Amino acid sequence: MSGAGGARPAAIRDFFVCDILAAMPKHDIASMEHPIFSLSTRPDRRVLDYAHNGVEVTVTPSVKGRATIFDADILIFCISQLVAALNAGRPTSRRLTLTAHDLLTATGRETSGDGYRRLRDAFERLAGTRITTNIVTGDTETTSGFGLIEAWEIVRRTRAGRMVSVSVTLSDWLYQAVLSRSVLTLSRDYFSLRKPLERRLYELARKHCGRQPEWRVSVETLCKKSGSASPRRVFRAMLREIIRADTLPDYRLEEEPGDIIRVTPRAAVLDAPEAPPLAPETLDEARALAPGADIYALEAEWRGYWARSGRPHLRSADRAFLGWLRARGRGKGRGRAQT
């Protein structure tokens, strides 16, 4: 469109550009609480009906199958970008423009041609999966139906046809969850978990245990909340294998008598809040060092690093945190203890 009044001022964009590469991974709480995503590695075309503690969810897949827990990486990337922008005081929109390579890199995926093909398949499953629910987002409870994403399109391709830039429109339900801060920070190691059930167990541990000393749950309830379609004996066997491997970030699982699973945070998660408090001016300086990043998430990451380092004595917690942040920006965030 051209002519007088046809151009839209840059400050009134109706889309948001995903360009905050250091954003901490975040997921919406409702998706972590309820089994919205399929754990199957094959097309899952079953309709899921789930009810627990007054919440009812029906997930209806398209002919391409229900969105998987790996497809959810796209939503995690979008949510992380939006939260980082909100923390930085930037305007946001539920329509996002993102670079496919950035998304693949941030979520630990291959950037090969096959990686781009799988990404396109994930967009199609997300757009085709329909949810009907009375889940509360913010302070509102409504029964509604929607897709996980409302629309998507390839904005720019390479000459070979590979997607470069993609536009995604989130459902209003998910966007409202972001605006109401109904989100939780995930470990970056979440993306290295290759078993669907491992990812789901981590989400449930993060949601229900957090930094509490423990969370106990029956195998029956855990199976239901995970969304696993496996028979109970098979689910229990997979659970025991994951317990033996002990690879979940931040949390440890143990089997107890009575068919109970005990979830406890690893030492870093429990001890991190005991680190000395930081001055408000330090957080202001940190914002300048990492524009657009979630400073509180970075502070939590530093506290965890300090705890894993043996909680050494800090002459100045403020200087140690800022030094760690500067080193992290140079790609050395796992380096010296900065004591």
C-alpha atoms as a PDB file:
ATOM      1  CA  MET A   1       0.000   0.000   0.000  1.00  0.00           C
ATOM      2  CA  SER A   2       1.302   3.464  -0.789  1.00  0.00           C
ATOM      3  CA  GLY A   3       0.106   7.030  -0.715  1.00  0.00           C
ATOM      4  CA  ALA A   4      -0.569   9.542   2.077  1.00  0.00           C
ATOM      5  CA  GLY A   5      -1.289   7.842   5.353  1.00  0.00           C
ATOM      6  CA  GLY A   6      -0.406   4.416   3.956  1.00  0.00           C
ATOM      7  CA  ALA A   7       2.840   3.979   5.895  1.00  0.00           C
ATOM      8  CA  ARG A   8       2.645   2.763   9.465  1.00  0.00           C
ATOM      9  CA  PRO A   9       4.962   4.603  11.916  1.00  0.00           C
ATOM     10  CA  ALA A  10       7.709   2.318  13.203  1.00  0.00           C
ATOM     11  CA  ALA A  11       6.630   2.928  16.822  1.00  0.00           C
ATOM     12  CA  ILE A  12       3.141   1.478  16.203  1.00  0.00           C
ATOM     13  CA  ARG A  13       4.132  -1.936  14.891  1.00  0.00           C
ATOM     14  CA  ASP A  14       1.575  -4.698  15.155  1.00  0.00           C
ATOM     15  CA  PHE A  15       4.301  -7.339  15.405  1.00  0.00           C
ATOM     16  CA  PHE A  16       7.203  -8.104  17.701  1.00  0.00           C
ATOM     17  CA  VAL A  17      10.690  -9.008  16.447  1.00  0.00           C
ATOM     18  CA  CYS A  18      12.422 -11.840  18.327  1.00  0.00           C
ATOM     19  CA  ASP A  19      15.969 -10.529  18.654  1.00  0.00           C
ATOM     20  CA  ILE A  20      16.901 -11.136  22.320  1.00  0.00           C
ATOM     21  CA  LEU A  21      19.320 -14.026  21.951  1.00  0.00           C
ATOM     22  CA  ALA A  22      20.206 -14.269  25.669  1.00  0.00           C
ATOM     23  CA  ALA A  23      16.604 -14.650  26.853  1.00  0.00           C
ATOM     24  CA  MET A  24      16.181 -17.263  29.601  1.00  0.00           C
ATOM     25  CA  PRO A  25      13.887 -20.165  28.625  1.00  0.00           C
ATOM     26  CA  LYS A  26      10.367 -19.755  30.017  1.00  0.00           C
ATOM     27  CA  HIS A  27       7.207 -21.811  29.709  1.00  0.00           C
ATOM     28  CA  ASP A  28       3.625 -20.986  30.579  1.00  0.00           C
ATOM     29  CA  ILE A  29       2.447 -22.560  33.835  1.00  0.00           C
ATOM     30  CA  ALA A  30      -0.746 -24.093  32.402  1.00  0.00           C
ATOM     31  CA  SER A  31       1.187 -26.093  29.807  1.00  0.00           C
ATOM     32  CA  MET A  32       3.550 -27.333  32.525  1.00  0.00           C
ATOM     33  CA  GLU A  33       0.666 -28.271  34.828  1.00  0.00           C
ATOM     34  CA  HIS A  34      -1.555 -30.081  32.317  1.00  0.00           C
ATOM     35  CA  PRO A  35      -0.707 -32.707  29.627  1.00  0.00           C
ATOM     36  CA  ILE A  36      -1.411 -30.598  26.567  1.00  0.00           C
ATOM     37  CA  PHE A  37       1.434 -31.959  24.441  1.00  0.00           C
ATOM     38  CA  SER A  38       1.853 -35.494  23.168  1.00  0.00           C
ATOM     39  CA  LEU A  39       4.737 -37.644  24.406  1.00  0.00           C
ATOM     40  CA  SER A  40       4.541 -39.864  21.321  1.00  0.00           C
ATOM     41  CA  THR A  41       7.275 -39.802  18.696  1.00  0.00           C
ATOM     42  CA  ARG A  42       4.758 -40.946  16.071  1.00  0.00           C
ATOM     43  CA  PRO A  43       1.729 -38.991  14.814  1.00  0.00           C
ATOM     44  CA  ASP A  44      -0.731 -38.962  17.746  1.00  0.00           C
ATOM     45  CA  ARG A  45      -4.260 -38.522  16.411  1.00  0.00           C
ATOM     46  CA  ARG A  46      -6.141 -39.449  19.581  1.00  0.00           C
ATOM     47  CA  VAL A  47      -8.405 -36.882  21.252  1.00  0.00           C
ATOM     48  CA  LEU A  48      -7.203 -36.307  24.827  1.00  0.00           C
ATOM     49  CA  ASP A  49      -9.804 -35.702  27.548  1.00  0.00           C
ATOM     50  CA  TYR A  50      -8.208 -34.712  30.847  1.00  0.00           C
ATOM     51  CA  ALA A  51      -9.790 -33.601  34.126  1.00  0.00           C
ATOM     52  CA  HIS A  52      -8.010 -32.901  37.405  1.00  0.00           C
ATOM     53  CA  ASN A  53      -8.902 -30.724  40.401  1.00  0.00           C
ATOM     54  CA  GLY A  54     -11.661 -28.871  38.582  1.00  0.00           C
ATOM     55  CA  VAL A  55      -9.685 -28.272  35.390  1.00  0.00           C
ATOM     56  CA  GLU A  56     -10.961 -29.852  32.193  1.00  0.00           C
ATOM     57  CA  VAL A  57      -8.914 -30.033  29.016  1.00  0.00           C
ATOM     58  CA  THR A  58      -9.793 -31.552  25.651  1.00  0.00           C
ATOM     59  CA  VAL A  59      -7.001 -31.605  23.086  1.00  0.00           C
ATOM     60  CA  THR A  60      -8.047 -32.388  19.513  1.00  0.00           C
ATOM     61  CA  PRO A  61      -5.288 -33.079  16.984  1.00  0.00           C
ATOM     62  CA  SER A  62      -5.339 -32.379  13.266  1.00  0.00           C
ATOM     63  CA  VAL A  63      -4.732 -35.020  10.614  1.00  0.00           C
ATOM     64  CA  LYS A  64      -0.994 -34.322  11.124  1.00  0.00           C
ATOM     65  CA  GLY A  65      -1.269 -35.343  14.764  1.00  0.00           C
ATOM     66  CA  ARG A  66      -1.227 -33.622  18.126  1.00  0.00           C
ATOM     67  CA  ALA A  67       1.517 -31.115  18.895  1.00  0.00           C
ATOM     68  CA  THR A  68       4.390 -32.860  20.692  1.00  0.00           C
ATOM     69  CA  ILE A  69       6.419 -31.848  23.712  1.00  0.00           C
ATOM     70  CA  PHE A  70       9.286 -31.086  21.304  1.00  0.00           C
ATOM     71  CA  ASP A  71       6.992 -28.832  19.225  1.00  0.00           C
ATOM     72  CA  ALA A  72       6.460 -26.848  22.426  1.00  0.00           C
ATOM     73  CA  ASP A  73      10.059 -25.582  22.065  1.00  0.00           C
ATOM     74  CA  ILE A  74       8.681 -23.050  19.583  1.00  0.00           C
ATOM     75  CA  LEU A  75       6.273 -21.694  22.183  1.00  0.00           C
ATOM     76  CA  ILE A  76       9.003 -21.661  24.838  1.00  0.00           C
ATOM     77  CA  PHE A  77      11.209 -19.608  22.503  1.00  0.00           C
ATOM     78  CA  CYS A  78       8.378 -17.136  21.798  1.00  0.00           C
ATOM     79  CA  ILE A  79       7.391 -16.845  25.481  1.00  0.00           C
ATOM     80  CA  SER A  80      11.027 -16.307  26.485  1.00  0.00           C
ATOM     81  CA  GLN A  81      11.400 -13.507  23.946  1.00  0.00           C
ATOM     82  CA  LEU A  82       8.205 -11.775  25.047  1.00  0.00           C
ATOM     83  CA  VAL A  83       9.048 -11.947  28.768  1.00  0.00           C
ATOM     84  CA  ALA A  84      12.552 -10.578  28.129  1.00  0.00           C
ATOM     85  CA  ALA A  85      11.012  -7.716  26.152  1.00  0.00           C
ATOM     86  CA  LEU A  86       8.500  -6.971  28.920  1.00  0.00           C
ATOM     87  CA  ASN A  87      11.346  -6.917  31.456  1.00  0.00           C
ATOM     88  CA  ALA A  88      13.183  -4.438  29.239  1.00  0.00           C
ATOM     89  CA  GLY A  89      10.104  -2.230  28.867  1.00  0.00           C
ATOM     90  CA  ARG A  90       9.727  -2.936  25.155  1.00  0.00           C
ATOM     91  CA  PRO A  91       6.316  -3.079  23.441  1.00  0.00           C
ATOM     92  CA  THR A  92       5.141  -6.568  22.525  1.00  0.00           C
ATOM     93  CA  SER A  93       2.536  -8.204  20.324  1.00  0.00           C
ATOM     94  CA  ARG A  94       1.145 -11.713  19.992  1.00  0.00           C
ATOM     95  CA  ARG A  95       2.347 -11.681  16.391  1.00  0.00           C
ATOM     96  CA  LEU A  96       6.066 -12.399  16.371  1.00  0.00           C
ATOM     97  CA  THR A  97       8.670 -12.403  13.639  1.00  0.00           C
ATOM     98  CA  LEU A  98      11.576 -14.734  14.302  1.00  0.00           C
ATOM     99  CA  THR A  99      14.635 -16.072  12.549  1.00  0.00           C
ATOM    100  CA  ALA A 100      14.401 -19.831  12.104  1.00  0.00           C
ATOM    101  CA  HIS A 101      18.135 -20.307  12.713  1.00  0.00           C
ATOM    102  CA  ASP A 102      17.929 -18.440  16.055  1.00  0.00           C
ATOM    103  CA  LEU A 103      15.026 -20.625  17.159  1.00  0.00           C
ATOM    104  CA  LEU A 104      16.827 -23.833  16.204  1.00  0.00           C
ATOM    105  CA  THR A 105      20.033 -22.734  17.929  1.00  0.00           C
ATOM    106  CA  ALA A 106      18.317 -21.513  21.121  1.00  0.00           C
ATOM    107  CA  THR A 107      16.451 -24.801  21.530  1.00  0.00           C
ATOM    108  CA  GLY A 108      19.421 -27.049  20.808  1.00  0.00           C
ATOM    109  CA  ARG A 109      18.178 -28.325  17.433  1.00  0.00           C
ATOM    110  CA  GLU A 110      20.077 -29.181  14.282  1.00  0.00           C
ATOM    111  CA  THR A 111      20.398 -26.404  11.715  1.00  0.00           C
ATOM    112  CA  SER A 112      20.556 -28.877   8.847  1.00  0.00           C
ATOM    113  CA  GLY A 113      17.984 -29.038   6.082  1.00  0.00           C
ATOM    114  CA  ASP A 114      16.221 -31.793   8.007  1.00  0.00           C
ATOM    115  CA  GLY A 115      16.090 -29.528  11.059  1.00  0.00           C
ATOM    116  CA  TYR A 116      14.239 -26.867   9.056  1.00  0.00           C
ATOM    117  CA  ARG A 117      11.835 -29.481   7.660  1.00  0.00           C
ATOM    118  CA  ARG A 118      11.010 -30.752  11.151  1.00  0.00           C
ATOM    119  CA  LEU A 119      10.497 -27.160  12.273  1.00  0.00           C
ATOM    120  CA  ARG A 120       7.904 -26.639   9.556  1.00  0.00           C
ATOM    121  CA  ASP A 121       6.125 -29.850  10.598  1.00  0.00           C
ATOM    122  CA  ALA A 122       6.077 -28.563  14.190  1.00  0.00           C
ATOM    123  CA  PHE A 123       4.434 -25.293  13.121  1.00  0.00           C
ATOM    124  CA  GLU A 124       1.736 -27.250  11.308  1.00  0.00           C
ATOM    125  CA  ARG A 125       0.998 -29.460  14.328  1.00  0.00           C
ATOM    126  CA  LEU A 126       0.869 -26.455  16.667  1.00  0.00           C
ATOM    127  CA  ALA A 127      -1.538 -24.623  14.390  1.00  0.00           C
ATOM    128  CA  GLY A 128      -3.709 -27.697  13.886  1.00  0.00           C
ATOM    129  CA  THR A 129      -3.991 -28.785  17.530  1.00  0.00           C
ATOM    130  CA  ARG A 130      -7.155 -27.416  19.135  1.00  0.00           C
ATOM    131  CA  ILE A 131      -7.746 -27.021  22.869  1.00  0.00           C
ATOM    132  CA  THR A 132     -10.992 -26.624  24.761  1.00  0.00           C
ATOM    133  CA  THR A 133     -10.473 -25.812  28.432  1.00  0.00           C
ATOM    134  CA  ASN A 134     -11.499 -23.839  31.500  1.00  0.00           C
ATOM    135  CA  ILE A 135      -7.873 -23.237  32.566  1.00  0.00           C
ATOM    136  CA  VAL A 136      -7.397 -19.953  34.414  1.00  0.00           C
ATOM    137  CA  THR A 137      -4.918 -17.478  32.880  1.00  0.00           C
ATOM    138  CA  GLY A 138      -4.229 -14.445  35.049  1.00  0.00           C
ATOM    139  CA  ASP A 139      -7.377 -13.738  37.069  1.00  0.00           C
ATOM    140  CA  THR A 140      -9.858 -14.995  34.491  1.00  0.00           C
ATOM    141  CA  GLU A 141     -11.495 -18.399  34.133  1.00  0.00           C
ATOM    142  CA  THR A 142     -13.266 -18.996  30.851  1.00  0.00           C
ATOM    143  CA  THR A 143     -14.172 -22.063  28.852  1.00  0.00           C
ATOM    144  CA  SER A 144     -12.843 -21.553  25.372  1.00  0.00           C
ATOM    145  CA  GLY A 145     -11.467 -23.272  22.304  1.00  0.00           C
ATOM    146  CA  PHE A 146      -8.344 -22.203  20.450  1.00  0.00           C
ATOM    147  CA  GLY A 147      -5.234 -23.363  18.646  1.00  0.00           C
ATOM    148  CA  LEU A 148      -1.839 -23.262  20.309  1.00  0.00           C
ATOM    149  CA  ILE A 149      -0.817 -20.803  17.618  1.00  0.00           C
ATOM    150  CA  GLU A 150      -3.348 -18.895  15.572  1.00  0.00           C
ATOM    151  CA  ALA A 151      -1.306 -18.659  12.396  1.00  0.00           C
ATOM    152  CA  TRP A 152       2.177 -18.919  10.950  1.00  0.00           C
ATOM    153  CA  GLU A 153       3.816 -18.118   7.649  1.00  0.00           C
ATOM    154  CA  ILE A 154       7.224 -18.221   6.056  1.00  0.00           C
ATOM    155  CA  VAL A 155       8.170 -14.599   5.475  1.00  0.00           C
ATOM    156  CA  ARG A 156      11.473 -15.172   3.717  1.00  0.00           C
ATOM    157  CA  ARG A 157      13.182 -18.180   2.089  1.00  0.00           C
ATOM    158  CA  THR A 158      16.621 -18.941   0.727  1.00  0.00           C
ATOM    159  CA  ARG A 159      16.964 -19.630  -2.986  1.00  0.00           C
ATOM    160  CA  ALA A 160      16.892 -23.324  -2.124  1.00  0.00           C
ATOM    161  CA  GLY A 161      13.511 -22.874  -0.449  1.00  0.00           C
ATOM    162  CA  ARG A 162      14.680 -23.125   3.182  1.00  0.00           C
ATOM    163  CA  MET A 163      12.784 -20.885   5.609  1.00  0.00           C
ATOM    164  CA  VAL A 164      14.756 -17.930   6.955  1.00  0.00           C
ATOM    165  CA  SER A 165      12.219 -15.660   8.635  1.00  0.00           C
ATOM    166  CA  VAL A 166       8.916 -16.870  10.080  1.00  0.00           C
ATOM    167  CA  SER A 167       5.883 -15.015  11.408  1.00  0.00           C
ATOM    168  CA  VAL A 168       3.942 -16.641  14.268  1.00  0.00           C
ATOM    169  CA  THR A 169       0.693 -15.429  15.838  1.00  0.00           C
ATOM    170  CA  LEU A 170       0.182 -16.862  19.314  1.00  0.00           C
ATOM    171  CA  SER A 171      -3.286 -17.632  20.637  1.00  0.00           C
ATOM    172  CA  ASP A 172      -4.709 -14.823  22.745  1.00  0.00           C
ATOM    173  CA  TRP A 173      -4.943 -17.326  25.622  1.00  0.00           C
ATOM    174  CA  LEU A 174      -1.181 -17.925  25.562  1.00  0.00           C
ATOM    175  CA  TYR A 175      -0.361 -14.238  25.069  1.00  0.00           C
ATOM    176  CA  GLN A 176      -2.487 -13.311  28.096  1.00  0.00           C
ATOM    177  CA  ALA A 177      -0.578 -15.890  30.135  1.00  0.00           C
ATOM    178  CA  VAL A 178       2.646 -14.076  29.224  1.00  0.00           C
ATOM    179  CA  LEU A 179       1.236 -10.627  30.052  1.00  0.00           C
ATOM    180  CA  SER A 180       0.017 -11.893  33.438  1.00  0.00           C
ATOM    181  CA  ARG A 181       3.482 -13.434  34.072  1.00  0.00           C
ATOM    182  CA  SER A 182       1.963 -16.921  34.427  1.00  0.00           C
ATOM    183  CA  VAL A 183       5.313 -18.381  33.390  1.00  0.00           C
ATOM    184  CA  LEU A 184       8.243 -20.199  34.982  1.00  0.00           C
ATOM    185  CA  THR A 185      11.940 -20.186  34.104  1.00  0.00           C
ATOM    186  CA  LEU A 186      13.374 -23.464  32.799  1.00  0.00           C
ATOM    187  CA  SER A 187      16.908 -24.782  32.992  1.00  0.00           C
ATOM    188  CA  ARG A 188      18.783 -24.338  29.712  1.00  0.00           C
ATOM    189  CA  ASP A 189      19.595 -28.040  30.001  1.00  0.00           C
ATOM    190  CA  TYR A 190      15.906 -28.801  29.421  1.00  0.00           C
ATOM    191  CA  PHE A 191      16.541 -28.745  25.661  1.00  0.00           C
ATOM    192  CA  SER A 192      19.203 -31.467  25.983  1.00  0.00           C
ATOM    193  CA  LEU A 193      16.625 -33.957  27.320  1.00  0.00           C
ATOM    194  CA  ARG A 194      15.852 -36.282  24.402  1.00  0.00           C
ATOM    195  CA  LYS A 195      13.204 -38.522  25.982  1.00  0.00           C
ATOM    196  CA  PRO A 196       9.683 -37.018  25.946  1.00  0.00           C
ATOM    197  CA  LEU A 197       8.892 -38.389  29.417  1.00  0.00           C
ATOM    198  CA  GLU A 198      12.098 -36.854  30.830  1.00  0.00           C
ATOM    199  CA  ARG A 199      10.972 -33.450  29.617  1.00  0.00           C
ATOM    200  CA  ARG A 200       7.492 -33.918  31.019  1.00  0.00           C
ATOM    201  CA  LEU A 201       8.796 -35.034  34.416  1.00  0.00           C
ATOM    202  CA  TYR A 202      11.086 -32.010  34.561  1.00  0.00           C
ATOM    203  CA  GLU A 203       8.157 -29.685  33.800  1.00  0.00           C
ATOM    204  CA  LEU A 204       6.074 -31.253  36.567  1.00  0.00           C
ATOM    205  CA  ALA A 205       8.976 -31.117  39.039  1.00  0.00           C
ATOM    206  CA  ARG A 206       9.624 -27.457  38.188  1.00  0.00           C
ATOM    207  CA  LYS A 207       5.942 -26.586  38.554  1.00  0.00           C
ATOM    208  CA  HIS A 208       5.078 -28.590  41.686  1.00  0.00           C
ATOM    209  CA  CYS A 209       8.365 -28.737  43.575  1.00  0.00           C
ATOM    210  CA  GLY A 210      10.143 -25.538  42.571  1.00  0.00           C
ATOM    211  CA  ARG A 211      12.427 -24.674  45.490  1.00  0.00           C
ATOM    212  CA  GLN A 212      10.361 -26.486  48.113  1.00  0.00           C
ATOM    213  CA  PRO A 213      12.234 -29.201  50.045  1.00  0.00           C
ATOM    214  CA  GLU A 214      10.242 -31.964  48.327  1.00  0.00           C
ATOM    215  CA  TRP A 215       7.144 -32.986  46.385  1.00  0.00           C
ATOM    216  CA  ARG A 216       5.565 -36.403  46.812  1.00  0.00           C
ATOM    217  CA  VAL A 217       3.204 -37.810  44.213  1.00  0.00           C
ATOM    218  CA  SER A 218       1.726 -41.228  43.536  1.00  0.00           C
ATOM    219  CA  VAL A 219       2.754 -43.085  40.394  1.00  0.00           C
ATOM    220  CA  GLU A 220      -0.907 -43.140  39.377  1.00  0.00           C
ATOM    221  CA  THR A 221      -1.251 -39.344  39.611  1.00  0.00           C
ATOM    222  CA  LEU A 222       2.127 -38.790  37.968  1.00  0.00           C
ATOM    223  CA  CYS A 223       1.111 -41.020  35.067  1.00  0.00           C
ATOM    224  CA  LYS A 224      -2.132 -39.056  34.656  1.00  0.00           C
ATOM    225  CA  LYS A 225      -0.466 -35.639  34.874  1.00  0.00           C
ATOM    226  CA  SER A 226       2.295 -36.671  32.471  1.00  0.00           C
ATOM    227  CA  GLY A 227      -0.221 -37.519  29.768  1.00  0.00           C
ATOM    228  CA  SER A 228       1.504 -40.842  29.091  1.00  0.00           C
ATOM    229  CA  ALA A 229      -0.569 -43.313  27.100  1.00  0.00           C
ATOM    230  CA  SER A 230       1.558 -46.254  28.258  1.00  0.00           C
ATOM    231  CA  PRO A 231       0.099 -48.966  30.489  1.00  0.00           C
ATOM    232  CA  ARG A 232       0.885 -48.424  34.173  1.00  0.00           C
ATOM    233  CA  ARG A 233       3.525 -51.173  34.324  1.00  0.00           C
ATOM    234  CA  VAL A 234       5.290 -49.756  31.251  1.00  0.00           C
ATOM    235  CA  PHE A 235       5.107 -46.226  32.657  1.00  0.00           C
ATOM    236  CA  ARG A 236       6.559 -47.451  35.959  1.00  0.00           C
ATOM    237  CA  ALA A 237       9.415 -49.193  34.124  1.00  0.00           C
ATOM    238  CA  MET A 238      10.234 -46.022  32.119  1.00  0.00           C
ATOM    239  CA  LEU A 239      10.069 -44.007  35.336  1.00  0.00           C
ATOM    240  CA  ARG A 240      12.525 -46.352  37.072  1.00  0.00           C
ATOM    241  CA  GLU A 241      14.913 -46.092  34.127  1.00  0.00           C
ATOM    242  CA  ILE A 242      14.839 -42.289  34.350  1.00  0.00           C
ATOM    243  CA  ILE A 243      15.373 -42.461  38.125  1.00  0.00           C
ATOM    244  CA  ARG A 244      18.443 -44.687  37.608  1.00  0.00           C
ATOM    245  CA  ALA A 245      19.853 -42.388  34.900  1.00  0.00           C
ATOM    246  CA  ASP A 246      19.352 -39.334  37.165  1.00  0.00           C
ATOM    247  CA  THR A 247      19.688 -36.844  34.299  1.00  0.00           C
ATOM    248  CA  LEU A 248      16.910 -34.353  35.105  1.00  0.00           C
ATOM    249  CA  PRO A 249      18.248 -30.800  35.537  1.00  0.00           C
ATOM    250  CA  ASP A 250      17.804 -29.358  39.035  1.00  0.00           C
ATOM    251  CA  TYR A 251      15.743 -32.256  40.454  1.00  0.00           C
ATOM    252  CA  ARG A 252      16.217 -35.797  41.712  1.00  0.00           C
ATOM    253  CA  LEU A 253      13.527 -38.485  41.697  1.00  0.00           C
ATOM    254  CA  GLU A 254      13.322 -41.373  44.169  1.00  0.00           C
ATOM    255  CA  GLU A 255      10.891 -44.269  44.476  1.00  0.00           C
ATOM    256  CA  GLU A 256       9.361 -44.758  47.919  1.00  0.00           C
ATOM    257  CA  PRO A 257       7.165 -47.491  49.407  1.00  0.00           C
ATOM    258  CA  GLY A 258       3.470 -47.243  48.589  1.00  0.00           C
ATOM    259  CA  ASP A 259       4.041 -46.493  44.889  1.00  0.00           C
ATOM    260  CA  ILE A 260       5.137 -42.933  45.713  1.00  0.00           C
ATOM    261  CA  ILE A 261       7.687 -40.807  43.858  1.00  0.00           C
ATOM    262  CA  ARG A 262       9.617 -38.243  45.894  1.00  0.00           C
ATOM    263  CA  VAL A 263      10.972 -35.243  44.003  1.00  0.00           C
ATOM    264  CA  THR A 264      13.665 -33.105  45.647  1.00  0.00           C
ATOM    265  CA  PRO A 265      15.668 -30.155  44.321  1.00  0.00           C
ATOM    266  CA  ARG A 266      19.360 -30.687  43.869  1.00  0.00           C
ATOM    267  CA  ALA A 267      21.594 -28.725  46.249  1.00  0.00           C
ATOM    268  CA  ALA A 268      22.080 -25.817  43.854  1.00  0.00           C
ATOM    269  CA  VAL A 269      18.348 -25.155  43.640  1.00  0.00           C
ATOM    270  CA  LEU A 270      17.852 -25.364  47.402  1.00  0.00           C
ATOM    271  CA  ASP A 271      20.955 -23.451  48.438  1.00  0.00           C
ATOM    272  CA  ALA A 272      20.800 -20.676  45.846  1.00  0.00           C
ATOM    273  CA  PRO A 273      18.338 -18.433  47.737  1.00  0.00           C
ATOM    274  CA  GLU A 274      20.725 -18.372  50.725  1.00  0.00           C
ATOM    275  CA  ALA A 275      23.310 -16.397  48.737  1.00  0.00           C
ATOM    276  CA  PRO A 276      23.770 -12.791  49.921  1.00  0.00           C
ATOM    277  CA  PRO A 277      21.191 -10.295  48.590  1.00  0.00           C
ATOM    278  CA  LEU A 278      22.116  -7.879  45.809  1.00  0.00           C
ATOM    279  CA  ALA A 279      21.693  -4.114  45.973  1.00  0.00           C
ATOM    280  CA  PRO A 280      19.089  -2.473  43.690  1.00  0.00           C
ATOM    281  CA  GLU A 281      21.870  -0.464  42.025  1.00  0.00           C
ATOM    282  CA  THR A 282      23.610  -3.739  41.141  1.00  0.00           C
ATOM    283  CA  LEU A 283      20.507  -4.968  39.354  1.00  0.00           C
ATOM    284  CA  ASP A 284      20.302  -1.667  37.481  1.00  0.00           C
ATOM    285  CA  GLU A 285      23.906  -2.069  36.335  1.00  0.00           C
ATOM    286  CA  ALA A 286      23.173  -5.669  35.364  1.00  0.00           C
ATOM    287  CA  ARG A 287      20.310  -4.487  33.147  1.00  0.00           C
ATOM    288  CA  ALA A 288      22.748  -2.235  31.318  1.00  0.00           C
ATOM    289  CA  LEU A 289      25.190  -5.131  30.887  1.00  0.00           C
ATOM    290  CA  ALA A 290      22.495  -7.498  29.577  1.00  0.00           C
ATOM    291  CA  PRO A 291      19.823  -5.392  27.896  1.00  0.00           C
ATOM    292  CA  GLY A 292      16.564  -7.256  27.402  1.00  0.00           C
ATOM    293  CA  ALA A 293      17.582 -10.213  29.567  1.00  0.00           C
ATOM    294  CA  ASP A 294      15.560 -11.413  32.558  1.00  0.00           C
ATOM    295  CA  ILE A 295      17.782 -10.051  35.318  1.00  0.00           C
ATOM    296  CA  TYR A 296      16.074 -12.020  38.061  1.00  0.00           C
ATOM    297  CA  ALA A 297      16.555 -15.239  36.126  1.00  0.00           C
ATOM    298  CA  LEU A 298      20.234 -14.364  35.627  1.00  0.00           C
ATOM    299  CA  GLU A 299      20.534 -13.635  39.351  1.00  0.00           C
ATOM    300  CA  ALA A 300      19.027 -17.059  40.101  1.00  0.00           C
ATOM    301  CA  GLU A 301      21.449 -18.676  37.644  1.00  0.00           C
ATOM    302  CA  TRP A 302      24.390 -16.948  39.338  1.00  0.00           C
ATOM    303  CA  ARG A 303      23.182 -18.039  42.788  1.00  0.00           C
ATOM    304  CA  GLY A 304      22.977 -21.614  41.519  1.00  0.00           C
ATOM    305  CA  TYR A 305      26.511 -21.337  40.108  1.00  0.00           C
ATOM    306  CA  TRP A 306      27.740 -19.963  43.433  1.00  0.00           C
ATOM    307  CA  ALA A 307      26.104 -22.861  45.297  1.00  0.00           C
ATOM    308  CA  ARG A 308      27.564 -25.486  42.933  1.00  0.00           C
ATOM    309  CA  SER A 309      31.001 -23.911  43.441  1.00  0.00           C
ATOM    310  CA  GLY A 310      30.818 -24.820  47.135  1.00  0.00           C
ATOM    311  CA  ARG A 311      29.316 -21.505  48.308  1.00  0.00           C
ATOM    312  CA  PRO A 312      32.700 -19.780  48.740  1.00  0.00           C
ATOM    313  CA  HIS A 313      32.946 -16.666  50.879  1.00  0.00           C
ATOM    314  CA  LEU A 314      32.138 -13.529  48.876  1.00  0.00           C
ATOM    315  CA  ARG A 315      33.913 -10.301  49.768  1.00  0.00           C
ATOM    316  CA  SER A 316      31.228  -8.526  47.737  1.00  0.00           C
ATOM    317  CA  ALA A 317      28.223 -10.381  46.314  1.00  0.00           C
ATOM    318  CA  ASP A 318      27.473  -7.391  44.079  1.00  0.00           C
ATOM    319  CA  ARG A 319      30.942  -7.356  42.485  1.00  0.00           C
ATOM    320  CA  ALA A 320      30.907 -11.151  42.164  1.00  0.00           C
ATOM    321  CA  PHE A 321      27.571 -11.141  40.368  1.00  0.00           C
ATOM    322  CA  LEU A 322      28.564  -8.366  37.972  1.00  0.00           C
ATOM    323  CA  GLY A 323      31.908 -10.050  37.298  1.00  0.00           C
ATOM    324  CA  TRP A 324      30.130 -13.338  36.545  1.00  0.00           C
ATOM    325  CA  LEU A 325      27.724 -11.518  34.265  1.00  0.00           C
ATOM    326  CA  ARG A 326      30.537  -9.837  32.325  1.00  0.00           C
ATOM    327  CA  ALA A 327      32.374 -13.155  31.973  1.00  0.00           C
ATOM    328  CA  ARG A 328      29.133 -14.819  30.864  1.00  0.00           C
ATOM    329  CA  GLY A 329      28.750 -12.171  28.167  1.00  0.00           C
ATOM    330  CA  ARG A 330      32.197 -13.123  26.890  1.00  0.00           C
ATOM    331  CA  GLY A 331      31.164 -16.776  26.818  1.00  0.00           C
ATOM    332  CA  LYS A 332      32.927 -17.587  30.096  1.00  0.00           C
ATOM    333  CA  GLY A 333      29.965 -17.624  32.480  1.00  0.00           C
ATOM    334  CA  ARG A 334      30.998 -21.035  33.822  1.00  0.00           C
ATOM    335  CA  GLY A 335      34.506 -19.849  34.627  1.00  0.00           C
ATOM    336  CA  ARG A 336      35.991 -18.403  37.809  1.00  0.00           C
ATOM    337  CA  ALA A 337      33.992 -18.229  41.029  1.00  0.00           C
ATOM    338  CA  GLN A 338      34.541 -14.459  41.229  1.00  0.00           C
ATOM    339  CA  THR A 339      34.991 -14.561  44.997  1.00  0.00           C
END
